[in-house]
Amino acid sequence: NIHVVIVSPKFSGKRLSEKTDLILSELQ
């Protein structure tokens, strides 16, 4: 298995659920 960590200004001001949705939408 793998772990993904992203550091991005695009996460500024976003809630945890919004951040997760952004990542998962790409991983789909």
mmCIF file of all heavy atoms, coordinates in Angstrom:
data_MODEL
# 
_entry.id   MODEL 
# 
loop_
_atom_site.group_PDB 
_atom_site.id 
_atom_site.type_symbol 
_atom_site.label_atom_id 
_atom_site.label_alt_id 
_atom_site.label_comp_id 
_atom_site.label_asym_id 
_atom_site.label_entity_id 
_atom_site.label_seq_id 
_atom_site.pdbx_PDB_ins_code 
_atom_site.Cartn_x 
_atom_site.Cartn_y 
_atom_site.Cartn_z 
_atom_site.occupancy 
_atom_site.B_iso_or_equiv 
_atom_site.pdbx_formal_charge 
_atom_site.auth_seq_id 
_atom_site.auth_comp_id 
_atom_site.auth_asym_id 
_atom_site.auth_atom_id 
_atom_site.pdbx_PDB_model_num 
ATOM 1   N N   . ASN A 1 1  ? 0.833   -1.192 0.000   1.00 0.00 ? 1  ASN A N   1 
ATOM 2   C CA  . ASN A 1 1  ? 0.000   0.000  0.000   1.00 0.00 ? 1  ASN A CA  1 
ATOM 3   C C   . ASN A 1 1  ? 0.872   1.247  0.000   1.00 0.00 ? 1  ASN A C   1 
ATOM 4   O O   . ASN A 1 1  ? 2.044   1.203  0.347   1.00 0.00 ? 1  ASN A O   1 
ATOM 5   C CB  . ASN A 1 1  ? -0.929  0.026  1.209   1.00 0.00 ? 1  ASN A CB  1 
ATOM 6   C CG  . ASN A 1 1  ? -2.144  -0.849 1.019   1.00 0.00 ? 1  ASN A CG  1 
ATOM 7   O OD1 . ASN A 1 1  ? -2.267  -1.566 0.024   1.00 0.00 ? 1  ASN A OD1 1 
ATOM 8   N ND2 . ASN A 1 1  ? -3.037  -0.813 1.970   1.00 0.00 ? 1  ASN A ND2 1 
ATOM 9   N N   . ILE A 1 2  ? 0.258   2.368  -0.380  1.00 0.00 ? 2  ILE A N   1 
ATOM 10  C CA  . ILE A 1 2  ? 0.995   3.630  -0.436  1.00 0.00 ? 2  ILE A CA  1 
ATOM 11  C C   . ILE A 1 2  ? 0.243   4.732  0.299   1.00 0.00 ? 2  ILE A C   1 
ATOM 12  O O   . ILE A 1 2  ? -0.971  4.658  0.508   1.00 0.00 ? 2  ILE A O   1 
ATOM 13  C CB  . ILE A 1 2  ? 1.273   4.069  -1.894  1.00 0.00 ? 2  ILE A CB  1 
ATOM 14  C CG1 . ILE A 1 2  ? -0.024  4.256  -2.675  1.00 0.00 ? 2  ILE A CG1 1 
ATOM 15  C CG2 . ILE A 1 2  ? 2.183   3.092  -2.592  1.00 0.00 ? 2  ILE A CG2 1 
ATOM 16  C CD1 . ILE A 1 2  ? 0.187   4.846  -4.050  1.00 0.00 ? 2  ILE A CD1 1 
ATOM 17  N N   . HIS A 1 3  ? 1.013   5.731  0.687   1.00 0.00 ? 3  HIS A N   1 
ATOM 18  C CA  . HIS A 1 3  ? 0.477   6.936  1.317   1.00 0.00 ? 3  HIS A CA  1 
ATOM 19  C C   . HIS A 1 3  ? 0.781   8.128  0.418   1.00 0.00 ? 3  HIS A C   1 
ATOM 20  O O   . HIS A 1 3  ? 1.848   8.186  -0.190  1.00 0.00 ? 3  HIS A O   1 
ATOM 21  C CB  . HIS A 1 3  ? 1.115   7.169  2.678   1.00 0.00 ? 3  HIS A CB  1 
ATOM 22  C CG  . HIS A 1 3  ? 0.760   6.140  3.690   1.00 0.00 ? 3  HIS A CG  1 
ATOM 23  N ND1 . HIS A 1 3  ? 1.367   6.075  4.915   1.00 0.00 ? 3  HIS A ND1 1 
ATOM 24  C CD2 . HIS A 1 3  ? -0.140  5.122  3.680   1.00 0.00 ? 3  HIS A CD2 1 
ATOM 25  C CE1 . HIS A 1 3  ? 0.856   5.092  5.610   1.00 0.00 ? 3  HIS A CE1 1 
ATOM 26  N NE2 . HIS A 1 3  ? -0.057  4.484  4.881   1.00 0.00 ? 3  HIS A NE2 1 
ATOM 27  N N   . VAL A 1 4  ? -0.157  9.064  0.354   1.00 0.00 ? 4  VAL A N   1 
ATOM 28  C CA  . VAL A 1 4  ? -0.010  10.268 -0.461  1.00 0.00 ? 4  VAL A CA  1 
ATOM 29  C C   . VAL A 1 4  ? -0.118  11.484 0.452   1.00 0.00 ? 4  VAL A C   1 
ATOM 30  O O   . VAL A 1 4  ? -1.072  11.592 1.236   1.00 0.00 ? 4  VAL A O   1 
ATOM 31  C CB  . VAL A 1 4  ? -1.109  10.330 -1.547  1.00 0.00 ? 4  VAL A CB  1 
ATOM 32  C CG1 . VAL A 1 4  ? -1.044  11.640 -2.309  1.00 0.00 ? 4  VAL A CG1 1 
ATOM 33  C CG2 . VAL A 1 4  ? -1.020  9.147  -2.488  1.00 0.00 ? 4  VAL A CG2 1 
ATOM 34  N N   . VAL A 1 5  ? 0.866   12.368 0.346   1.00 0.00 ? 5  VAL A N   1 
ATOM 35  C CA  . VAL A 1 5  ? 0.835   13.634 1.086   1.00 0.00 ? 5  VAL A CA  1 
ATOM 36  C C   . VAL A 1 5  ? 1.028   14.754 0.072   1.00 0.00 ? 5  VAL A C   1 
ATOM 37  O O   . VAL A 1 5  ? 1.962   14.716 -0.730  1.00 0.00 ? 5  VAL A O   1 
ATOM 38  C CB  . VAL A 1 5  ? 1.937   13.700 2.163   1.00 0.00 ? 5  VAL A CB  1 
ATOM 39  C CG1 . VAL A 1 5  ? 1.917   15.060 2.855   1.00 0.00 ? 5  VAL A CG1 1 
ATOM 40  C CG2 . VAL A 1 5  ? 1.768   12.578 3.179   1.00 0.00 ? 5  VAL A CG2 1 
ATOM 41  N N   . ILE A 1 6  ? 0.122   15.729 0.115   1.00 0.00 ? 6  ILE A N   1 
ATOM 42  C CA  . ILE A 1 6  ? 0.192   16.866 -0.807  1.00 0.00 ? 6  ILE A CA  1 
ATOM 43  C C   . ILE A 1 6  ? 0.220   18.150 0.010   1.00 0.00 ? 6  ILE A C   1 
ATOM 44  O O   . ILE A 1 6  ? -0.613  18.354 0.892   1.00 0.00 ? 6  ILE A O   1 
ATOM 45  C CB  . ILE A 1 6  ? -1.010  16.884 -1.764  1.00 0.00 ? 6  ILE A CB  1 
ATOM 46  C CG1 . ILE A 1 6  ? -1.074  15.587 -2.562  1.00 0.00 ? 6  ILE A CG1 1 
ATOM 47  C CG2 . ILE A 1 6  ? -0.939  18.100 -2.697  1.00 0.00 ? 6  ILE A CG2 1 
ATOM 48  C CD1 . ILE A 1 6  ? -2.345  15.411 -3.366  1.00 0.00 ? 6  ILE A CD1 1 
ATOM 49  N N   . VAL A 1 7  ? 1.193   18.987 -0.294  1.00 0.00 ? 7  VAL A N   1 
ATOM 50  C CA  . VAL A 1 7  ? 1.261   20.327 0.296   1.00 0.00 ? 7  VAL A CA  1 
ATOM 51  C C   . VAL A 1 7  ? 0.992   21.299 -0.848  1.00 0.00 ? 7  VAL A C   1 
ATOM 52  O O   . VAL A 1 7  ? 1.701   21.317 -1.849  1.00 0.00 ? 7  VAL A O   1 
ATOM 53  C CB  . VAL A 1 7  ? 2.640   20.607 0.929   1.00 0.00 ? 7  VAL A CB  1 
ATOM 54  C CG1 . VAL A 1 7  ? 2.679   22.015 1.498   1.00 0.00 ? 7  VAL A CG1 1 
ATOM 55  C CG2 . VAL A 1 7  ? 2.972   19.577 1.992   1.00 0.00 ? 7  VAL A CG2 1 
ATOM 56  N N   . SER A 1 8  ? -0.084  22.069 -0.706  1.00 0.00 ? 8  SER A N   1 
ATOM 57  C CA  . SER A 1 8  ? -0.487  22.964 -1.785  1.00 0.00 ? 8  SER A CA  1 
ATOM 58  C C   . SER A 1 8  ? -1.216  24.187 -1.242  1.00 0.00 ? 8  SER A C   1 
ATOM 59  O O   . SER A 1 8  ? -2.059  24.062 -0.346  1.00 0.00 ? 8  SER A O   1 
ATOM 60  C CB  . SER A 1 8  ? -1.419  22.216 -2.749  1.00 0.00 ? 8  SER A CB  1 
ATOM 61  O OG  . SER A 1 8  ? -1.957  23.105 -3.714  1.00 0.00 ? 8  SER A OG  1 
ATOM 62  N N   . PRO A 1 9  ? -0.934  25.351 -1.826  1.00 0.00 ? 9  PRO A N   1 
ATOM 63  C CA  . PRO A 1 9  ? -1.696  26.547 -1.464  1.00 0.00 ? 9  PRO A CA  1 
ATOM 64  C C   . PRO A 1 9  ? -3.178  26.399 -1.797  1.00 0.00 ? 9  PRO A C   1 
ATOM 65  O O   . PRO A 1 9  ? -4.017  27.101 -1.248  1.00 0.00 ? 9  PRO A O   1 
ATOM 66  C CB  . PRO A 1 9  ? -1.063  27.657 -2.302  1.00 0.00 ? 9  PRO A CB  1 
ATOM 67  C CG  . PRO A 1 9  ? 0.243   27.138 -2.775  1.00 0.00 ? 9  PRO A CG  1 
ATOM 68  C CD  . PRO A 1 9  ? 0.133   25.645 -2.777  1.00 0.00 ? 9  PRO A CD  1 
ATOM 69  N N   . LYS A 1 10 ? -3.505  25.466 -2.668  1.00 0.00 ? 10 LYS A N   1 
ATOM 70  C CA  . LYS A 1 10 ? -4.905  25.252 -3.056  1.00 0.00 ? 10 LYS A CA  1 
ATOM 71  C C   . LYS A 1 10 ? -5.754  24.750 -1.887  1.00 0.00 ? 10 LYS A C   1 
ATOM 72  O O   . LYS A 1 10 ? -6.976  24.796 -1.951  1.00 0.00 ? 10 LYS A O   1 
ATOM 73  C CB  . LYS A 1 10 ? -4.975  24.256 -4.218  1.00 0.00 ? 10 LYS A CB  1 
ATOM 74  C CG  . LYS A 1 10 ? -4.337  24.801 -5.475  1.00 0.00 ? 10 LYS A CG  1 
ATOM 75  C CD  . LYS A 1 10 ? -4.227  23.745 -6.536  1.00 0.00 ? 10 LYS A CD  1 
ATOM 76  C CE  . LYS A 1 10 ? -3.522  24.360 -7.740  1.00 0.00 ? 10 LYS A CE  1 
ATOM 77  N NZ  . LYS A 1 10 ? -2.936  23.375 -8.607  1.00 0.00 ? 10 LYS A NZ  1 
ATOM 78  N N   . PHE A 1 11 ? -5.108  24.274 -0.825  1.00 0.00 ? 11 PHE A N   1 
ATOM 79  C CA  . PHE A 1 11 ? -5.837  23.793 0.346   1.00 0.00 ? 11 PHE A CA  1 
ATOM 80  C C   . PHE A 1 11 ? -6.128  24.902 1.354   1.00 0.00 ? 11 PHE A C   1 
ATOM 81  O O   . PHE A 1 11 ? -6.841  24.676 2.319   1.00 0.00 ? 11 PHE A O   1 
ATOM 82  C CB  . PHE A 1 11 ? -5.055  22.675 1.041   1.00 0.00 ? 11 PHE A CB  1 
ATOM 83  C CG  . PHE A 1 11 ? -4.959  21.401 0.247   1.00 0.00 ? 11 PHE A CG  1 
ATOM 84  C CD1 . PHE A 1 11 ? -3.728  20.804 0.031   1.00 0.00 ? 11 PHE A CD1 1 
ATOM 85  C CD2 . PHE A 1 11 ? -6.081  20.790 -0.273  1.00 0.00 ? 11 PHE A CD2 1 
ATOM 86  C CE1 . PHE A 1 11 ? -3.626  19.618 -0.679  1.00 0.00 ? 11 PHE A CE1 1 
ATOM 87  C CE2 . PHE A 1 11 ? -5.992  19.614 -0.996  1.00 0.00 ? 11 PHE A CE2 1 
ATOM 88  C CZ  . PHE A 1 11 ? -4.767  19.030 -1.196  1.00 0.00 ? 11 PHE A CZ  1 
ATOM 89  N N   . SER A 1 12 ? -5.581  26.082 1.138   1.00 0.00 ? 12 SER A N   1 
ATOM 90  C CA  . SER A 1 12 ? -5.767  27.195 2.077   1.00 0.00 ? 12 SER A CA  1 
ATOM 91  C C   . SER A 1 12 ? -7.252  27.506 2.246   1.00 0.00 ? 12 SER A C   1 
ATOM 92  O O   . SER A 1 12 ? -7.985  27.660 1.266   1.00 0.00 ? 12 SER A O   1 
ATOM 93  C CB  . SER A 1 12 ? -5.030  28.438 1.599   1.00 0.00 ? 12 SER A CB  1 
ATOM 94  O OG  . SER A 1 12 ? -3.652  28.224 1.599   1.00 0.00 ? 12 SER A OG  1 
ATOM 95  N N   . GLY A 1 13 ? -7.679  27.583 3.498   1.00 0.00 ? 13 GLY A N   1 
ATOM 96  C CA  . GLY A 1 13 ? -9.058  27.935 3.813   1.00 0.00 ? 13 GLY A CA  1 
ATOM 97  C C   . GLY A 1 13 ? -10.068 26.827 3.599   1.00 0.00 ? 13 GLY A C   1 
ATOM 98  O O   . GLY A 1 13 ? -11.256 27.040 3.793   1.00 0.00 ? 13 GLY A O   1 
ATOM 99  N N   . LYS A 1 14 ? -9.623  25.639 3.223   1.00 0.00 ? 14 LYS A N   1 
ATOM 100 C CA  . LYS A 1 14 ? -10.539 24.527 2.965   1.00 0.00 ? 14 LYS A CA  1 
ATOM 101 C C   . LYS A 1 14 ? -10.658 23.638 4.204   1.00 0.00 ? 14 LYS A C   1 
ATOM 102 O O   . LYS A 1 14 ? -9.716  23.481 4.968   1.00 0.00 ? 14 LYS A O   1 
ATOM 103 C CB  . LYS A 1 14 ? -10.061 23.709 1.777   1.00 0.00 ? 14 LYS A CB  1 
ATOM 104 C CG  . LYS A 1 14 ? -9.990  24.506 0.479   1.00 0.00 ? 14 LYS A CG  1 
ATOM 105 C CD  . LYS A 1 14 ? -10.390 23.649 -0.685  1.00 0.00 ? 14 LYS A CD  1 
ATOM 106 C CE  . LYS A 1 14 ? -10.364 24.327 -2.022  1.00 0.00 ? 14 LYS A CE  1 
ATOM 107 N NZ  . LYS A 1 14 ? -10.647 25.702 -2.126  1.00 0.00 ? 14 LYS A NZ  1 
ATOM 108 N N   . ARG A 1 15 ? -11.843 23.069 4.369   1.00 0.00 ? 15 ARG A N   1 
ATOM 109 C CA  . ARG A 1 15 ? -12.070 22.099 5.442   1.00 0.00 ? 15 ARG A CA  1 
ATOM 110 C C   . ARG A 1 15 ? -11.472 20.761 5.043   1.00 0.00 ? 15 ARG A C   1 
ATOM 111 O O   . ARG A 1 15 ? -11.197 20.511 3.870   1.00 0.00 ? 15 ARG A O   1 
ATOM 112 C CB  . ARG A 1 15 ? -13.567 21.951 5.698   1.00 0.00 ? 15 ARG A CB  1 
ATOM 113 C CG  . ARG A 1 15 ? -14.208 23.222 6.232   1.00 0.00 ? 15 ARG A CG  1 
ATOM 114 C CD  . ARG A 1 15 ? -15.660 22.965 6.566   1.00 0.00 ? 15 ARG A CD  1 
ATOM 115 N NE  . ARG A 1 15 ? -16.332 22.296 5.450   1.00 0.00 ? 15 ARG A NE  1 
ATOM 116 C CZ  . ARG A 1 15 ? -17.387 22.752 4.802   1.00 0.00 ? 15 ARG A CZ  1 
ATOM 117 N NH1 . ARG A 1 15 ? -17.904 23.903 5.147   1.00 0.00 ? 15 ARG A NH1 1 
ATOM 118 N NH2 . ARG A 1 15 ? -17.928 22.076 3.824   1.00 0.00 ? 15 ARG A NH2 1 
ATOM 119 N N   . LEU A 1 16 ? -11.303 19.891 6.017   1.00 0.00 ? 16 LEU A N   1 
ATOM 120 C CA  . LEU A 1 16 ? -10.730 18.565 5.786   1.00 0.00 ? 16 LEU A CA  1 
ATOM 121 C C   . LEU A 1 16 ? -11.497 17.803 4.710   1.00 0.00 ? 16 LEU A C   1 
ATOM 122 O O   . LEU A 1 16 ? -10.896 17.202 3.817   1.00 0.00 ? 16 LEU A O   1 
ATOM 123 C CB  . LEU A 1 16 ? -10.695 17.762 7.088   1.00 0.00 ? 16 LEU A CB  1 
ATOM 124 C CG  . LEU A 1 16 ? -10.155 16.341 6.978   1.00 0.00 ? 16 LEU A CG  1 
ATOM 125 C CD1 . LEU A 1 16 ? -8.723  16.331 6.492   1.00 0.00 ? 16 LEU A CD1 1 
ATOM 126 C CD2 . LEU A 1 16 ? -10.273 15.636 8.325   1.00 0.00 ? 16 LEU A CD2 1 
ATOM 127 N N   . SER A 1 17 ? -12.813 17.852 4.762   1.00 0.00 ? 17 SER A N   1 
ATOM 128 C CA  . SER A 1 17 ? -13.616 17.129 3.767   1.00 0.00 ? 17 SER A CA  1 
ATOM 129 C C   . SER A 1 17 ? -13.398 17.672 2.358   1.00 0.00 ? 17 SER A C   1 
ATOM 130 O O   . SER A 1 17 ? -13.368 16.906 1.387   1.00 0.00 ? 17 SER A O   1 
ATOM 131 C CB  . SER A 1 17 ? -15.102 17.177 4.126   1.00 0.00 ? 17 SER A CB  1 
ATOM 132 O OG  . SER A 1 17 ? -15.572 18.515 4.134   1.00 0.00 ? 17 SER A OG  1 
ATOM 133 N N   . GLU A 1 18 ? -13.214 18.978 2.235   1.00 0.00 ? 18 GLU A N   1 
ATOM 134 C CA  . GLU A 1 18 ? -12.959 19.570 0.921   1.00 0.00 ? 18 GLU A CA  1 
ATOM 135 C C   . GLU A 1 18 ? -11.592 19.151 0.384   1.00 0.00 ? 18 GLU A C   1 
ATOM 136 O O   . GLU A 1 18 ? -11.443 18.861 -0.806  1.00 0.00 ? 18 GLU A O   1 
ATOM 137 C CB  . GLU A 1 18 ? -13.040 21.094 1.003   1.00 0.00 ? 18 GLU A CB  1 
ATOM 138 C CG  . GLU A 1 18 ? -14.424 21.609 1.326   1.00 0.00 ? 18 GLU A CG  1 
ATOM 139 C CD  . GLU A 1 18 ? -14.440 23.097 1.607   1.00 0.00 ? 18 GLU A CD  1 
ATOM 140 O OE1 . GLU A 1 18 ? -13.640 23.565 2.439   1.00 0.00 ? 18 GLU A OE1 1 
ATOM 141 O OE2 . GLU A 1 18 ? -15.257 23.794 0.967   1.00 0.00 ? 18 GLU A OE2 1 
ATOM 142 N N   . LYS A 1 19 ? -10.608 19.108 1.266   1.00 0.00 ? 19 LYS A N   1 
ATOM 143 C CA  . LYS A 1 19 ? -9.269  18.673 0.863   1.00 0.00 ? 19 LYS A CA  1 
ATOM 144 C C   . LYS A 1 19 ? -9.297  17.225 0.397   1.00 0.00 ? 19 LYS A C   1 
ATOM 145 O O   . LYS A 1 19 ? -8.717  16.879 -0.639  1.00 0.00 ? 19 LYS A O   1 
ATOM 146 C CB  . LYS A 1 19 ? -8.288  18.823 2.023   1.00 0.00 ? 19 LYS A CB  1 
ATOM 147 C CG  . LYS A 1 19 ? -8.055  20.236 2.467   1.00 0.00 ? 19 LYS A CG  1 
ATOM 148 C CD  . LYS A 1 19 ? -7.188  20.217 3.697   1.00 0.00 ? 19 LYS A CD  1 
ATOM 149 C CE  . LYS A 1 19 ? -7.116  21.561 4.350   1.00 0.00 ? 19 LYS A CE  1 
ATOM 150 N NZ  . LYS A 1 19 ? -6.289  21.526 5.558   1.00 0.00 ? 19 LYS A NZ  1 
ATOM 151 N N   . THR A 1 20 ? -9.971  16.402 1.179   1.00 0.00 ? 20 THR A N   1 
ATOM 152 C CA  . THR A 1 20 ? -10.079 14.982 0.830   1.00 0.00 ? 20 THR A CA  1 
ATOM 153 C C   . THR A 1 20 ? -10.768 14.816 -0.515  1.00 0.00 ? 20 THR A C   1 
ATOM 154 O O   . THR A 1 20 ? -10.324 14.024 -1.351  1.00 0.00 ? 20 THR A O   1 
ATOM 155 C CB  . THR A 1 20 ? -10.843 14.224 1.932   1.00 0.00 ? 20 THR A CB  1 
ATOM 156 O OG1 . THR A 1 20 ? -10.139 14.385 3.169   1.00 0.00 ? 20 THR A OG1 1 
ATOM 157 C CG2 . THR A 1 20 ? -10.966 12.752 1.614   1.00 0.00 ? 20 THR A CG2 1 
ATOM 158 N N   . ASP A 1 21 ? -11.842 15.548 -0.737  1.00 0.00 ? 21 ASP A N   1 
ATOM 159 C CA  . ASP A 1 21 ? -12.570 15.467 -2.014  1.00 0.00 ? 21 ASP A CA  1 
ATOM 160 C C   . ASP A 1 21 ? -11.682 15.855 -3.192  1.00 0.00 ? 21 ASP A C   1 
ATOM 161 O O   . ASP A 1 21 ? -11.741 15.225 -4.251  1.00 0.00 ? 21 ASP A O   1 
ATOM 162 C CB  . ASP A 1 21 ? -13.818 16.348 -1.992  1.00 0.00 ? 21 ASP A CB  1 
ATOM 163 C CG  . ASP A 1 21 ? -14.924 15.795 -1.109  1.00 0.00 ? 21 ASP A CG  1 
ATOM 164 O OD1 . ASP A 1 21 ? -14.845 14.616 -0.710  1.00 0.00 ? 21 ASP A OD1 1 
ATOM 165 O OD2 . ASP A 1 21 ? -15.866 16.551 -0.802  1.00 0.00 ? 21 ASP A OD2 1 
ATOM 166 N N   . LEU A 1 22 ? -10.855 16.890 -3.024  1.00 0.00 ? 22 LEU A N   1 
ATOM 167 C CA  . LEU A 1 22 ? -9.953  17.306 -4.110  1.00 0.00 ? 22 LEU A CA  1 
ATOM 168 C C   . LEU A 1 22 ? -8.973  16.193 -4.463  1.00 0.00 ? 22 LEU A C   1 
ATOM 169 O O   . LEU A 1 22 ? -8.747  15.898 -5.643  1.00 0.00 ? 22 LEU A O   1 
ATOM 170 C CB  . LEU A 1 22 ? -9.180  18.562 -3.705  1.00 0.00 ? 22 LEU A CB  1 
ATOM 171 C CG  . LEU A 1 22 ? -9.940  19.874 -3.713  1.00 0.00 ? 22 LEU A CG  1 
ATOM 172 C CD1 . LEU A 1 22 ? -9.090  20.985 -3.112  1.00 0.00 ? 22 LEU A CD1 1 
ATOM 173 C CD2 . LEU A 1 22 ? -10.356 20.243 -5.128  1.00 0.00 ? 22 LEU A CD2 1 
ATOM 174 N N   . ILE A 1 23 ? -8.392  15.578 -3.445  1.00 0.00 ? 23 ILE A N   1 
ATOM 175 C CA  . ILE A 1 23 ? -7.422  14.511 -3.688  1.00 0.00 ? 23 ILE A CA  1 
ATOM 176 C C   . ILE A 1 23 ? -8.108  13.294 -4.306  1.00 0.00 ? 23 ILE A C   1 
ATOM 177 O O   . ILE A 1 23 ? -7.639  12.740 -5.306  1.00 0.00 ? 23 ILE A O   1 
ATOM 178 C CB  . ILE A 1 23 ? -6.696  14.131 -2.385  1.00 0.00 ? 23 ILE A CB  1 
ATOM 179 C CG1 . ILE A 1 23 ? -5.866  15.309 -1.872  1.00 0.00 ? 23 ILE A CG1 1 
ATOM 180 C CG2 . ILE A 1 23 ? -5.811  12.902 -2.603  1.00 0.00 ? 23 ILE A CG2 1 
ATOM 181 C CD1 . ILE A 1 23 ? -5.336  15.137 -0.464  1.00 0.00 ? 23 ILE A CD1 1 
ATOM 182 N N   . LEU A 1 24 ? -9.213  12.879 -3.730  1.00 0.00 ? 24 LEU A N   1 
ATOM 183 C CA  . LEU A 1 24 ? -9.894  11.679 -4.216  1.00 0.00 ? 24 LEU A CA  1 
ATOM 184 C C   . LEU A 1 24 ? -10.433 11.852 -5.632  1.00 0.00 ? 24 LEU A C   1 
ATOM 185 O O   . LEU A 1 24 ? -10.445 10.897 -6.414  1.00 0.00 ? 24 LEU A O   1 
ATOM 186 C CB  . LEU A 1 24 ? -11.013 11.273 -3.258  1.00 0.00 ? 24 LEU A CB  1 
ATOM 187 C CG  . LEU A 1 24 ? -10.555 10.874 -1.857  1.00 0.00 ? 24 LEU A CG  1 
ATOM 188 C CD1 . LEU A 1 24 ? -11.742 10.453 -1.007  1.00 0.00 ? 24 LEU A CD1 1 
ATOM 189 C CD2 . LEU A 1 24 ? -9.511  9.777  -1.901  1.00 0.00 ? 24 LEU A CD2 1 
ATOM 190 N N   . SER A 1 25 ? -10.844 13.065 -5.977  1.00 0.00 ? 25 SER A N   1 
ATOM 191 C CA  . SER A 1 25 ? -11.336 13.286 -7.338  1.00 0.00 ? 25 SER A CA  1 
ATOM 192 C C   . SER A 1 25 ? -10.229 13.062 -8.359  1.00 0.00 ? 25 SER A C   1 
ATOM 193 O O   . SER A 1 25 ? -10.483 12.589 -9.474  1.00 0.00 ? 25 SER A O   1 
ATOM 194 C CB  . SER A 1 25 ? -11.950 14.673 -7.487  1.00 0.00 ? 25 SER A CB  1 
ATOM 195 O OG  . SER A 1 25 ? -10.964 15.675 -7.377  1.00 0.00 ? 25 SER A OG  1 
ATOM 196 N N   . GLU A 1 26 ? -8.998  13.365 -7.990  1.00 0.00 ? 26 GLU A N   1 
ATOM 197 C CA  . GLU A 1 26 ? -7.860  13.108 -8.878  1.00 0.00 ? 26 GLU A CA  1 
ATOM 198 C C   . GLU A 1 26 ? -7.507  11.620 -8.895  1.00 0.00 ? 26 GLU A C   1 
ATOM 199 O O   . GLU A 1 26 ? -7.226  11.049 -9.954  1.00 0.00 ? 26 GLU A O   1 
ATOM 200 C CB  . GLU A 1 26 ? -6.647  13.933 -8.444  1.00 0.00 ? 26 GLU A CB  1 
ATOM 201 C CG  . GLU A 1 26 ? -6.793  15.407 -8.689  1.00 0.00 ? 26 GLU A CG  1 
ATOM 202 C CD  . GLU A 1 26 ? -6.932  15.739 -10.165 1.00 0.00 ? 26 GLU A CD  1 
ATOM 203 O OE1 . GLU A 1 26 ? -6.003  15.431 -10.926 1.00 0.00 ? 26 GLU A OE1 1 
ATOM 204 O OE2 . GLU A 1 26 ? -7.969  16.314 -10.548 1.00 0.00 ? 26 GLU A OE2 1 
ATOM 205 N N   . LEU A 1 27 ? -7.528  10.990 -7.734  1.00 0.00 ? 27 LEU A N   1 
ATOM 206 C CA  . LEU A 1 27 ? -7.155  9.579  -7.651  1.00 0.00 ? 27 LEU A CA  1 
ATOM 207 C C   . LEU A 1 27 ? -8.167  8.657  -8.328  1.00 0.00 ? 27 LEU A C   1 
ATOM 208 O O   . LEU A 1 27 ? -7.840  7.514  -8.639  1.00 0.00 ? 27 LEU A O   1 
ATOM 209 C CB  . LEU A 1 27 ? -6.947  9.172  -6.193  1.00 0.00 ? 27 LEU A CB  1 
ATOM 210 C CG  . LEU A 1 27 ? -5.746  9.806  -5.497  1.00 0.00 ? 27 LEU A CG  1 
ATOM 211 C CD1 . LEU A 1 27 ? -5.696  9.375  -4.035  1.00 0.00 ? 27 LEU A CD1 1 
ATOM 212 C CD2 . LEU A 1 27 ? -4.446  9.467  -6.206  1.00 0.00 ? 27 LEU A CD2 1 
ATOM 213 N N   . GLN A 1 28 ? -9.364  9.136  -8.567  1.00 0.00 ? 28 GLN A N   1 
ATOM 214 C CA  . GLN A 1 28 ? -10.381 8.333  -9.259  1.00 0.00 ? 28 GLN A CA  1 
ATOM 215 C C   . GLN A 1 28 ? -9.955  7.980  -10.679 1.00 0.00 ? 28 GLN A C   1 
ATOM 216 O O   . GLN A 1 28 ? -10.530 7.093  -11.292 1.00 0.00 ? 28 GLN A O   1 
ATOM 217 C CB  . GLN A 1 28 ? -11.724 9.060  -9.284  1.00 0.00 ? 28 GLN A CB  1 
ATOM 218 C CG  . GLN A 1 28 ? -12.415 9.050  -7.956  1.00 0.00 ? 28 GLN A CG  1 
ATOM 219 C CD  . GLN A 1 28 ? -13.726 9.810  -7.992  1.00 0.00 ? 28 GLN A CD  1 
ATOM 220 O OE1 . GLN A 1 28 ? -14.017 10.549 -8.926  1.00 0.00 ? 28 GLN A OE1 1 
ATOM 221 N NE2 . GLN A 1 28 ? -14.511 9.654  -6.956  1.00 0.00 ? 28 GLN A NE2 1 
# 
